[in-house]
Protein backbone atom coordinates (compact mmCIF):
# COMPACT_ATOMS: atom_id res chain seq x y z
CA MET A 1 25.58 -18.77 36.22
CA TYR A 2 24.06 -22.56 36.79
CA LYS A 3 22.88 -25.25 34.29
CA GLN A 4 19.37 -25.30 33.52
CA VAL A 5 18.55 -28.87 34.33
CA GLU A 6 14.94 -29.89 35.05
CA GLU A 7 13.61 -32.72 37.30
CA SER A 8 13.10 -35.72 35.19
CA GLN A 9 9.68 -36.01 34.56
CA THR A 10 9.33 -39.64 35.43
CA LEU A 11 10.65 -38.52 38.98
CA LEU A 12 8.42 -35.62 38.97
CA ILE A 13 5.09 -37.31 38.24
CA ASN A 14 5.86 -39.54 40.92
CA THR A 15 6.23 -36.63 43.52
CA GLN A 16 2.96 -35.03 42.45
CA SER A 17 0.91 -38.03 42.63
CA LYS A 18 2.15 -38.42 46.00
CA ILE A 19 1.29 -35.29 47.24
CA LEU A 20 -2.44 -35.73 46.04
CA ALA A 21 -2.43 -39.19 47.73
CA GLU A 22 -1.25 -37.42 51.25
CA GLN A 23 -4.57 -35.44 50.72
CA ASN A 24 -6.71 -38.49 50.79
CA ARG A 25 -7.18 -38.68 46.97
CA LYS A 26 -7.02 -42.05 45.31
CA ILE A 27 -4.16 -41.95 42.04
CA ILE A 28 -3.92 -44.40 39.39
CA LYS A 29 -0.50 -44.62 39.14
CA PHE A 30 0.45 -44.81 35.28
CA GLY A 31 2.92 -42.38 35.27
CA PHE A 32 5.99 -44.01 36.82
CA GLY A 33 7.07 -47.11 34.96
CA GLN A 34 8.32 -49.18 37.88
CA SER A 35 7.73 -53.05 37.56
CA PRO A 36 5.54 -54.73 40.40
CA PHE A 37 7.15 -58.06 39.91
CA LEU A 38 9.64 -59.32 42.59
CA PRO A 39 13.14 -60.58 41.45
CA PRO A 40 13.25 -64.66 41.61
CA LYS A 41 13.48 -66.01 45.27
CA ASN A 42 16.92 -67.31 44.47
CA VAL A 43 18.07 -63.94 43.67
CA LEU A 44 16.54 -62.27 46.77
CA ILE A 45 18.03 -64.92 49.14
CA ALA A 46 21.43 -64.48 47.15
CA LEU A 47 21.44 -60.70 47.99
CA GLU A 48 20.66 -61.50 51.66
CA LYS A 49 23.59 -63.52 51.93
CA ALA A 50 25.84 -60.78 50.11
CA VAL A 51 25.04 -58.00 52.55
CA HIS A 52 28.15 -58.30 54.37
CA HIS A 53 30.34 -57.46 51.29
CA LYS A 54 31.06 -53.88 51.77
CA GLU A 55 34.43 -53.49 49.37
CA TYR A 56 34.80 -52.27 46.19
CA SER A 57 34.97 -53.96 42.90
CA SER A 58 36.68 -53.02 39.92
CA VAL A 59 35.40 -50.11 37.82
CA GLN A 60 34.44 -52.31 35.07
CA GLY A 61 32.77 -54.71 37.51
CA ASP A 62 33.13 -58.26 38.61
CA PRO A 63 34.74 -60.48 36.28
CA GLU A 64 32.68 -63.87 37.09
CA LEU A 65 29.53 -61.65 36.61
CA ARG A 66 30.39 -60.17 33.22
CA GLU A 67 31.35 -63.83 31.88
CA LEU A 68 27.79 -64.78 33.19
CA MET A 69 26.16 -61.78 31.50
CA SER A 70 27.96 -62.51 28.21
CA GLU A 71 26.75 -65.98 28.34
CA PHE A 72 23.15 -65.00 29.22
CA HIS A 73 22.74 -62.90 26.50
CA LYS A 74 24.16 -65.04 23.97
CA GLN A 75 21.48 -67.74 24.95
CA HIS A 76 18.67 -65.10 24.79
CA ASN A 77 19.23 -63.94 21.54
CA GLY A 78 22.70 -64.49 20.32
CA LEU A 79 24.22 -61.03 21.55
CA LYS A 80 28.11 -62.19 21.30
CA VAL A 81 30.28 -59.79 23.27
CA ASP A 82 33.36 -60.76 25.03
CA SER A 83 33.26 -60.34 28.98
CA ASN A 84 36.40 -58.18 28.93
CA ASN A 85 34.37 -55.71 26.66
CA ILE A 86 31.47 -55.20 29.54
CA LEU A 87 30.90 -52.55 31.78
CA LEU A 88 28.95 -52.65 34.98
CA ALA A 89 27.55 -49.26 36.84
CA PRO A 90 25.03 -48.24 39.28
CA GLY A 91 22.29 -48.51 36.42
CA SER A 92 22.45 -48.45 32.46
CA LYS A 93 21.32 -44.49 32.87
CA ILE A 94 24.66 -43.63 33.95
CA LEU A 95 26.22 -45.83 31.33
CA ILE A 96 24.71 -43.85 28.36
CA PHE A 97 25.48 -40.39 29.91
CA ASN A 98 29.35 -41.80 30.28
CA ILE A 99 29.06 -42.85 26.75
CA LEU A 100 27.87 -39.04 25.82
CA LEU A 101 30.64 -37.77 28.23
CA ALA A 102 33.25 -39.76 26.51
CA PHE A 103 33.14 -37.66 23.19
CA GLU A 104 34.31 -34.14 22.94
CA LYS A 105 31.60 -32.86 20.83
CA ALA A 106 29.09 -35.01 18.82
CA ASP A 107 25.82 -34.62 16.87
CA VAL A 108 23.47 -36.83 19.05
CA PHE A 109 20.41 -38.25 16.87
CA ILE A 110 17.32 -38.66 19.12
CA PRO A 111 13.98 -40.07 18.27
CA ALA A 112 10.90 -38.28 19.13
CA PRO A 113 9.09 -39.55 20.97
CA ALA A 114 12.10 -41.14 23.15
CA TRP A 115 12.83 -41.67 26.99
CA VAL A 116 12.91 -38.82 28.68
CA SER A 117 16.78 -38.68 29.79
CA TYR A 118 18.50 -38.81 26.59
CA ALA A 119 17.87 -35.15 25.61
CA PRO A 120 19.07 -33.72 28.96
CA GLN A 121 21.92 -36.11 29.19
CA THR A 122 22.80 -34.87 25.59
CA LYS A 123 22.78 -31.28 26.63
CA LEU A 124 24.66 -31.77 29.83
CA ALA A 125 27.45 -33.33 27.72
CA GLY A 126 27.40 -30.38 25.53
CA HIS A 127 26.56 -32.04 22.10
CA ASN A 128 24.18 -31.03 19.31
CA MET A 129 20.81 -32.68 19.72
CA ILE A 130 19.08 -33.51 16.48
CA ARG A 131 15.40 -34.73 16.81
CA LEU A 132 14.25 -37.48 14.59
CA ASN A 133 10.45 -36.99 13.57
CA THR A 134 8.20 -39.91 13.75
CA THR A 135 4.57 -40.26 13.48
CA TYR A 136 1.90 -42.49 14.85
CA LYS A 137 1.19 -43.77 11.15
CA GLU A 138 5.00 -44.82 10.99
CA ARG A 139 4.55 -46.56 14.78
CA TRP A 140 6.85 -43.84 16.36
CA ARG A 141 9.61 -45.98 14.32
CA VAL A 142 12.97 -44.21 13.14
CA SER A 143 13.86 -44.82 9.58
CA SER A 144 16.91 -44.38 7.03
CA LYS A 145 14.40 -41.46 5.61
CA SER A 146 14.42 -39.64 8.80
CA ILE A 147 18.04 -39.98 9.27
CA ASN A 148 19.05 -38.86 6.08
CA GLU A 149 16.73 -35.93 6.49
CA ALA A 150 18.27 -35.02 9.94
CA VAL A 151 21.82 -35.23 8.52
CA GLN A 152 21.90 -31.88 7.18
CA PHE A 153 21.81 -30.54 10.59
CA LYS A 154 25.13 -32.02 11.55
CA GLN A 155 28.10 -29.51 13.23
CA TYR A 156 30.57 -32.00 14.30
CA ARG A 157 32.43 -35.04 12.60
CA ASP A 158 31.26 -37.72 15.28
CA SER A 159 27.84 -38.99 15.35
CA ILE A 160 25.56 -41.04 18.03
CA LEU A 161 22.14 -42.31 17.41
CA ILE A 162 20.36 -43.41 20.63
CA LEU A 163 17.88 -46.20 19.88
CA ASN A 164 15.46 -47.76 22.54
CA TYR A 165 13.32 -50.94 22.05
CA PRO A 166 11.16 -52.34 23.17
CA GLY A 167 10.43 -48.74 23.55
CA ASN A 168 9.89 -46.06 26.48
CA PRO A 169 7.48 -44.26 26.02
CA ASP A 170 5.93 -46.30 23.00
CA GLY A 171 6.10 -50.07 24.09
CA LEU A 172 6.87 -50.91 20.31
CA THR A 173 9.96 -52.74 18.82
CA TYR A 174 11.68 -52.85 15.53
CA GLU A 175 11.25 -55.66 13.03
CA GLU A 176 14.28 -57.39 11.63
CA ASP A 177 13.94 -55.73 8.24
CA GLU A 178 13.64 -52.23 10.21
CA LEU A 179 16.94 -52.89 11.78
CA ILE A 180 18.88 -54.27 8.90
CA GLU A 181 17.81 -51.02 7.24
CA LEU A 182 19.06 -48.50 10.07
CA ALA A 183 22.00 -50.65 10.51
CA ASN A 184 23.03 -50.18 6.66
CA ILE A 185 22.58 -46.48 6.97
CA ALA A 186 24.48 -46.16 10.54
CA LYS A 187 27.48 -48.13 8.75
CA SER A 188 27.44 -45.88 5.82
CA LEU A 189 27.52 -42.59 8.10
CA ASN A 190 29.92 -44.25 10.59
CA ILE A 191 27.46 -43.54 13.37
CA LEU A 192 27.88 -44.70 16.96
CA VAL A 193 24.62 -46.68 18.34
CA ILE A 194 23.59 -46.97 21.71
CA ALA A 195 20.91 -49.52 21.71
CA ASP A 196 19.15 -49.29 24.80
CA GLU A 197 17.82 -52.69 24.99
CA ILE A 198 16.69 -52.46 28.68
CA TYR A 199 13.07 -53.85 27.99
CA GLY A 200 14.51 -56.68 25.56
CA LEU A 201 13.86 -59.49 27.48
CA LEU A 202 10.35 -58.41 28.01
CA ASN A 203 9.42 -58.89 24.27
CA HIS A 204 5.87 -59.71 24.31
CA SER A 205 6.61 -62.26 21.34
CA ASN A 206 9.94 -63.65 22.82
CA SER A 207 11.48 -62.62 19.92
CA HIS A 208 14.00 -59.36 20.66
CA HIS A 209 16.68 -58.72 17.92
CA SER A 210 19.98 -57.08 19.48
CA PHE A 211 20.85 -54.08 17.06
CA ALA A 212 24.27 -55.26 17.48
CA ASN A 213 23.82 -58.49 15.59
CA TYR A 214 23.31 -56.36 12.54
CA TYR A 215 25.98 -53.39 13.04
CA PRO A 216 28.69 -55.19 15.05
CA GLU A 217 31.18 -52.58 14.24
CA ARG A 218 29.95 -49.73 16.28
CA THR A 219 26.74 -50.73 18.35
CA ILE A 220 26.98 -50.49 22.26
CA THR A 221 24.25 -52.39 23.93
CA THR A 222 22.87 -51.07 27.44
CA THR A 223 20.65 -53.36 29.60
CA GLY A 224 20.48 -54.32 33.45
CA LEU A 225 18.30 -55.71 36.20
CA SER A 226 15.94 -53.18 36.47
CA LYS A 227 12.95 -53.87 34.23
CA TRP A 228 13.00 -57.93 33.71
CA CYS A 229 14.29 -58.66 37.17
CA GLY A 230 11.87 -55.98 38.81
CA ALA A 231 14.90 -54.51 40.52
CA GLY A 232 15.24 -50.98 39.51
CA GLY A 233 16.28 -49.67 42.82
CA TRP A 234 19.07 -52.15 43.07
CA ARG A 235 20.72 -50.09 40.28
CA LEU A 236 22.98 -52.48 38.05
CA GLY A 237 23.30 -51.71 34.57
CA ALA A 238 25.65 -53.17 31.72
CA ALA A 239 27.06 -51.87 28.74
CA PHE A 240 28.04 -54.23 25.94
CA LEU A 241 30.58 -52.54 23.87
CA TYR A 242 31.70 -53.95 20.38
CA ASN A 243 34.38 -56.29 20.33
CA ASN A 244 36.73 -54.16 18.20
CA ILE A 245 36.23 -50.93 20.25
CA GLU A 246 38.66 -48.21 19.83
CA PRO A 247 41.01 -48.79 23.03
CA ALA A 248 40.70 -44.85 23.52
CA LEU A 249 36.97 -44.89 23.77
CA LYS A 250 36.85 -47.87 26.21
CA GLN A 251 39.71 -46.63 28.49
CA ALA A 252 37.65 -43.19 28.41
CA LEU A 253 34.62 -44.99 29.87
CA ILE A 254 36.68 -46.91 32.29
CA GLY A 255 38.41 -43.33 33.37
CA ILE A 256 34.72 -41.32 33.63
CA GLY A 257 33.48 -44.65 35.53
CA SER A 258 36.31 -44.04 38.03
CA GLU A 259 35.70 -40.46 38.82
CA THR A 260 32.04 -40.75 38.93
CA TYR A 261 30.21 -43.81 40.50
CA SER A 262 33.36 -45.98 41.16
CA CYS A 263 31.83 -48.98 40.61
CA ALA A 264 28.61 -50.87 40.82
CA PRO A 265 27.17 -52.13 44.27
CA THR A 266 29.19 -55.10 45.20
CA PRO A 267 26.43 -56.97 46.96
CA ILE A 268 24.15 -56.38 44.05
CA GLN A 269 26.99 -57.63 41.43
CA ILE A 270 26.62 -60.85 43.96
CA ALA A 271 23.26 -61.43 43.64
CA ALA A 272 23.20 -60.65 40.17
CA LYS A 273 25.35 -63.59 39.77
CA THR A 274 22.43 -65.80 40.50
CA ALA A 275 20.38 -63.74 38.19
CA TYR A 276 22.54 -64.33 35.01
CA LYS A 277 23.53 -67.75 36.16
CA ASN A 278 21.55 -69.58 33.64
CA TYR A 279 19.21 -68.31 31.03
CA GLY A 280 17.22 -71.35 30.47
CA GLU A 281 16.21 -71.64 34.18
CA LEU A 282 14.90 -67.94 33.87
CA THR A 283 12.57 -68.50 31.11
CA SER A 284 9.39 -69.58 33.02
CA TYR A 285 9.93 -66.33 35.26
CA LEU A 286 10.10 -64.17 32.29
CA ASP A 287 7.32 -66.02 30.11
CA TYR A 288 5.11 -65.55 33.48
CA GLN A 289 5.69 -61.36 33.36
CA ILE A 290 5.34 -61.50 29.58
CA GLN A 291 1.75 -63.42 29.67
CA ILE A 292 0.76 -60.67 32.46
CA LEU A 293 1.98 -57.59 30.68
CA LYS A 294 0.61 -58.54 27.51
CA GLU A 295 -2.92 -58.96 28.74
CA ILE A 296 -3.01 -55.77 30.63
CA GLY A 297 -1.25 -54.10 27.62
CA ASN A 298 -3.52 -55.30 25.14
CA PHE A 299 -6.51 -54.80 27.23
CA CYS A 300 -5.85 -50.80 27.87
CA ALA A 301 -5.17 -50.12 24.06
CA ASP A 302 -8.23 -52.02 22.99
CA ARG A 303 -10.48 -50.05 25.36
CA LEU A 304 -8.44 -46.98 24.76
CA ASN A 305 -9.00 -47.29 20.67
CA SER A 306 -12.78 -47.87 21.57
CA SER A 307 -13.07 -44.32 22.84
CA ASP A 308 -11.25 -42.80 19.78
CA ILE A 309 -8.18 -42.61 21.54
CA ARG A 310 -5.64 -43.97 19.05
CA VAL A 311 -2.98 -46.27 20.46
CA HIS A 312 -0.84 -49.37 19.05
CA SER A 313 -0.95 -52.35 20.78
CA PRO A 314 2.59 -52.78 22.91
CA GLN A 315 5.13 -55.28 21.63
CA GLY A 316 7.38 -55.17 24.95
CA GLY A 317 7.89 -53.46 28.41
CA PHE A 318 4.97 -52.04 30.21
CA TYR A 319 4.03 -48.74 28.11
CA ILE A 320 1.71 -47.44 25.85
CA PHE A 321 1.66 -44.04 24.10
CA PRO A 322 -2.24 -43.15 23.82
CA ASP A 323 -2.62 -40.48 21.30
CA PHE A 324 -5.47 -38.14 21.74
CA SER A 325 -5.15 -36.15 18.20
CA LEU A 326 -8.46 -37.10 16.89
CA LEU A 327 -10.23 -35.36 20.10
CA LYS A 328 -8.10 -32.38 19.79
CA GLU A 329 -11.42 -30.01 18.83
CA LYS A 330 -13.05 -31.23 21.86
CA LEU A 331 -10.00 -30.68 24.10
CA ASN A 332 -9.04 -27.27 22.55
CA ASN A 333 -12.81 -26.24 23.22
CA ARG A 334 -11.83 -27.04 27.09
CA GLY A 335 -8.85 -24.93 27.23
CA ILE A 336 -6.61 -27.94 26.64
CA SER A 337 -3.90 -27.18 23.48
CA THR A 338 -0.89 -28.91 25.31
CA SER A 339 0.07 -32.66 26.66
CA LYS A 340 1.05 -31.10 30.00
CA GLN A 341 -2.45 -29.35 30.32
CA LEU A 342 -4.06 -32.90 29.13
CA CYS A 343 -2.26 -34.71 31.85
CA GLU A 344 -2.57 -32.08 34.42
CA LEU A 345 -6.68 -31.89 34.22
CA LEU A 346 -6.45 -35.76 33.99
CA LEU A 347 -4.79 -36.16 37.28
CA VAL A 348 -6.86 -33.64 38.92
CA GLU A 349 -10.24 -34.60 37.51
CA THR A 350 -9.84 -38.66 37.33
CA GLY A 351 -7.01 -39.23 39.63
CA VAL A 352 -4.92 -40.76 36.74
CA ALA A 353 -1.58 -40.01 36.73
CA MET A 354 0.35 -39.86 33.07
CA LEU A 355 3.61 -38.26 31.42
CA PRO A 356 2.84 -35.57 28.81
CA ALA A 357 3.99 -36.37 25.23
CA SER A 358 6.28 -32.88 25.44
CA ALA A 359 8.28 -34.79 28.02
CA PHE A 360 9.36 -37.27 25.49
CA GLY A 361 10.59 -34.73 22.64
CA LEU A 362 7.31 -34.09 20.66
CA ASP A 363 5.92 -30.79 20.40
CA GLU A 364 4.11 -29.36 23.19
CA GLU A 365 0.66 -28.82 21.53
CA TYR A 366 0.65 -32.41 20.46
CA LEU A 367 -1.73 -34.28 22.60
CA ALA A 368 -0.64 -37.60 23.42
CA ALA A 369 0.72 -39.17 26.88
CA ARG A 370 2.57 -42.02 28.18
CA LEU A 371 0.77 -44.40 30.11
CA ALA A 372 2.69 -47.06 32.12
CA TYR A 373 0.62 -50.16 33.22
CA VAL A 374 2.17 -51.24 36.13
CA ASP A 375 -0.60 -50.32 38.70
CA PHE A 376 -1.61 -53.92 39.59
CA LYS A 377 -0.57 -56.44 42.20
CA GLU A 378 1.74 -59.74 41.22
CA PRO A 379 -0.07 -62.99 41.97
CA GLU A 380 0.89 -64.73 45.04
CA GLY A 381 3.10 -67.80 44.41
CA ARG A 382 3.09 -67.22 40.92
CA ASP A 383 -1.01 -67.89 40.65
CA GLU A 384 -3.27 -67.61 37.60
CA PHE A 385 -3.36 -63.70 37.07
CA ASN A 386 -6.97 -62.61 36.88
CA LEU A 387 -7.00 -58.60 35.67
CA HIS A 388 -10.18 -57.94 38.11
CA LYS A 389 -8.44 -59.53 40.80
CA HIS A 390 -5.38 -58.11 40.67
CA GLY A 391 -5.41 -55.22 38.53
CA PRO A 392 -8.63 -53.32 39.58
CA ASN A 393 -6.57 -50.17 38.99
CA ILE A 394 -5.89 -50.85 35.74
CA ILE A 395 -9.68 -51.34 34.91
CA GLU A 396 -10.61 -48.00 37.16
CA GLY A 397 -7.90 -45.85 35.33
CA ILE A 398 -8.60 -46.94 31.81
CA GLU A 399 -12.48 -46.21 32.32
CA ASN A 400 -11.72 -43.17 34.14
CA ILE A 401 -9.64 -41.94 31.00
CA CYS A 402 -12.55 -43.07 28.50
CA ASN A 403 -15.16 -41.54 30.44
CA TRP A 404 -13.55 -38.38 31.16
CA VAL A 405 -13.12 -38.27 27.18
CA LYS A 406 -16.72 -38.86 26.64
CA LYS A 407 -17.69 -36.21 28.78
CA THR A 408 -15.31 -33.91 27.41
């Protein structure tokens, strides 16, 4: 018998879109969350100069880079983690998985909705997954109430909570009072928290609060280059461990890394030193991205809301989570009763690719989808962004959805 592991929905929608595109169909790519921004020019040059480095680095990662990352995030939002407690890997995805693997048996609390890979990774690690139910009205936020309600389903001594904010698929973040509330209950229940803050540097108001600042006792923060630096394919992720981490857990993470990925790619680590060298020098680069993403995200949310498709305006990253619940009767009359059917028909009839809510842990019948508003071109030379000039596919895709709903 083999383990049943489906292909990641984020990669699957990319494949399906390519197949339709090869049939000369125009596809609006709202399915795959890949930043259209290039890394800063000096970082690209640093990578070119580092290509001859073919040697392995240590499993934990280049010491100088870890020092730079520690200082960088301290300047960004006050996250204070000693460089010796930072782990580097080929992407934060494998780091999250390895943290789960470090436990023999655990209860893993995962919000619904949440990023598509948390649940499969939990299953592969052999843990008990417990969904934390949220609602549109609650802005898809986890609360102490939802955690208290879920505790009754615990099976094991160890507990892990995975939080992702600004979030994928919803593009929303947590306010400081919400983080304090969650930190208090995590502390009272001795929960290890994996704070996936990969989109933290793309907070639309430049006010990202790291969970570790409120629960330093047992929070592991994951981050990396892929989102804020537009370098997803470079595969460089980091886990900021807590400073008083149990030696056995830290050694387990290093040991698992040594038996799986060995190390993060050396040329990428060298180039990353330039990326993380000085946070102050990168603020204009980050602000430029945030300004554009905020404008696009608000346009998408406003237009969809005007067509009775409920959606919260994004607060970070490049996702929104359109909720079609108000149109359930009309959609049911067309034979659409699941989010998967909704996305499949939208793709075929409008060329708009989105991911179904069921991929993110919601019930099959919940009619919602994730929309990644990344189908635009970065202006050359950081010129002023114009939605009609640089994002015609964004406008066309949103109008296609609204017109399709109107005709349904």
